[in-house]
Every structure is written in C-alpha cells, then in structure tokens.
Amino acid sequence: MQKKLTITVDEKVYAGLQKVIGRGHISEFIESLVRPHVLPREIEYGYKAMAADKVREAEAEEWIEGTLGDGADETR
C-alpha cells in the first residue's frame, strides 16, 4: 500500500528533479534514496530467507562449484 507524502523543497531542487529524473518518476527516485535509511534490515532479511531455502542453496553451490575452473582455462 502506498501513502501520499507532501514535502517542501527549494524550487531549484524541484526543477533539477524534473530535469534529471523526469516528471512522474520523482517519487520513485526519492523512495529509492530513502528506503535503505529507514528500512536498513530489509536486505538482511532477504538474504536470510534465501539462505534458509535449502534447494536454492544447493543449486547455487552446484553452480559455483561448476564454474570454479572456468577462469583458469581462459587466454588473456
């Protein structure tokens, strides 16, 4: 669910946002900047959930083991 937020910024900042980010994309841009500061543990929970998925972890380990030798065979 989204909530509407009204903020006040300098008119030059607003003009810059419109020019660089584009109308209709400012909210997304601001949210992407703010999110890690107010929800810092979100990524940690995501990694924990992925690590708890044993099937996914086994597939990832198999893939990693299968690619270990790839770099040694490349010519430079």
Protein backbone atom coordinates (compact mmCIF):
# COMPACT_ATOMS: atom_id res chain seq x y z
CA MET A 1 0.00 0.00 0.00
CA GLN A 2 1.29 3.45 -0.83
CA LYS A 3 0.87 6.59 1.22
CA LYS A 4 0.93 10.13 -0.10
CA LEU A 5 3.59 12.41 1.38
CA THR A 6 3.90 16.12 0.84
CA ILE A 7 7.39 17.55 1.14
CA THR A 8 8.78 21.02 0.55
CA VAL A 9 11.98 21.58 -1.42
CA ASP A 10 13.69 24.61 -2.91
CA GLU A 11 12.33 25.49 -6.35
CA LYS A 12 15.76 24.94 -7.93
CA VAL A 13 15.92 21.46 -6.41
CA TYR A 14 12.46 20.70 -7.77
CA ALA A 15 13.40 21.99 -11.23
CA GLY A 16 16.53 19.83 -11.13
CA LEU A 17 14.50 16.77 -10.17
CA GLN A 18 12.14 17.36 -13.06
CA LYS A 19 15.02 17.88 -15.49
CA VAL A 20 17.20 14.97 -14.37
CA ILE A 21 14.69 12.42 -13.07
CA GLY A 22 11.65 13.41 -15.10
CA ARG A 23 8.07 14.14 -14.23
CA GLY A 24 6.28 11.14 -12.87
CA HIS A 25 9.46 9.49 -11.58
CA ILE A 26 10.40 11.76 -8.68
CA SER A 27 8.56 9.72 -6.05
CA GLU A 28 10.30 6.51 -7.14
CA PHE A 29 13.66 8.26 -7.06
CA ILE A 30 13.16 9.72 -3.58
CA GLU A 31 11.89 6.39 -2.23
CA SER A 32 14.94 4.56 -3.61
CA LEU A 33 17.20 7.04 -1.80
CA VAL A 34 15.30 6.97 1.50
CA ARG A 35 14.46 3.25 1.73
CA PRO A 36 17.90 1.98 2.86
CA HIS A 37 17.97 4.55 5.66
CA VAL A 38 14.58 3.74 7.10
CA LEU A 39 14.44 0.01 6.29
CA PRO A 40 18.10 -0.96 6.64
CA ARG A 41 17.43 -4.54 7.70
CA GLU A 42 15.20 -5.34 4.72
CA ILE A 43 18.12 -6.70 2.68
CA GLU A 44 19.39 -8.70 5.66
CA TYR A 45 16.01 -10.43 5.98
CA GLY A 46 16.03 -11.16 2.26
CA TYR A 47 19.44 -12.82 2.45
CA LYS A 48 18.39 -14.84 5.48
CA ALA A 49 15.28 -16.04 3.65
CA MET A 50 17.37 -17.06 0.62
CA ALA A 51 19.87 -18.89 2.85
CA ALA A 52 17.02 -20.78 4.52
CA ASP A 53 15.92 -22.12 1.12
CA LYS A 54 17.95 -25.36 1.09
CA VAL A 55 17.06 -26.29 -2.51
CA ARG A 56 18.14 -22.87 -3.78
CA GLU A 57 21.35 -23.00 -1.75
CA ALA A 58 22.20 -26.46 -3.11
CA GLU A 59 21.62 -25.26 -6.69
CA ALA A 60 23.77 -22.17 -6.07
CA GLU A 61 26.59 -24.25 -4.59
CA GLU A 62 26.45 -26.66 -7.54
CA TRP A 63 26.66 -23.73 -9.96
CA ILE A 64 29.60 -22.17 -8.07
CA GLU A 65 31.49 -25.47 -7.99
CA GLY A 66 30.86 -25.92 -11.70
CA THR A 67 32.33 -22.53 -12.61
CA LEU A 68 35.47 -22.61 -10.46
CA GLY A 69 37.72 -23.86 -13.24
CA ASP A 70 36.34 -21.63 -15.98
CA GLY A 71 38.70 -18.70 -15.39
CA ALA A 72 41.87 -20.81 -15.46
CA ASP A 73 41.17 -22.01 -18.99
CA GLU A 74 40.75 -18.53 -20.49
CA THR A 75 43.50 -16.94 -22.58
CA ARG A 76 44.49 -13.39 -21.73
